[in-house]
Amino acid sequence: MTFHNIVIFDLDGTTIDSTHRQATLADGTLNLAAWKEAATPEKIFQDTVLPLGYQVNRIGKKAYTIICTARNMSDADFEFLMDNGINVDKIISRPHGNNEPDGELKKKQLNSFLSLKQFKHKNKIMFDDASSVRSILRKIGITVIHPNKIQERIA
């Protein structure tokens, strides 16, 4: 099946509510050290799915879907996604040992992946709650939307 659009979803604050274990910096990006400390399986399974998260599979029927997260994905993270029926074509996450700011990390990862021949000329739309990430990714040609603009309509 050929898709004309690539739709990219951030996890925390976009498709998943993990605020019970999330500490952010003043610019809205993740406090990585505090986040890693709170990334236990017990706490991950206390996360909840936001309204946009329930739309991922529906959108995936019409577009190539990607999760791009600043998380270091663990087995518990993947299990949470499966348990909650969040299925995508590709998951891009923070490599272990990487401490780059969220926006720069996502820019490098998405730019590299989306430069592949089959994705290069597709429309790219992303939902991300961090203003610094939205600003950086718009510079590489991705339309980035704050999830609140859509959450209110589908809640």
Foldseek 3Di string as FASTA:
>chain_A
DAAQEEEEEEEDQFFKDLVVQFDADPQRFGPVVSNVVQPDLVSLLVIDTALVQVCQVVVQVHHQYEYEYADPDDPSNVVSCVVVVRDGPYYHYHDPPDDDTRQVVSQVVCVVVCVPPSRVNGAAEYEDQGPSNCVSNVVVPHHYDHNVVVRVVRD
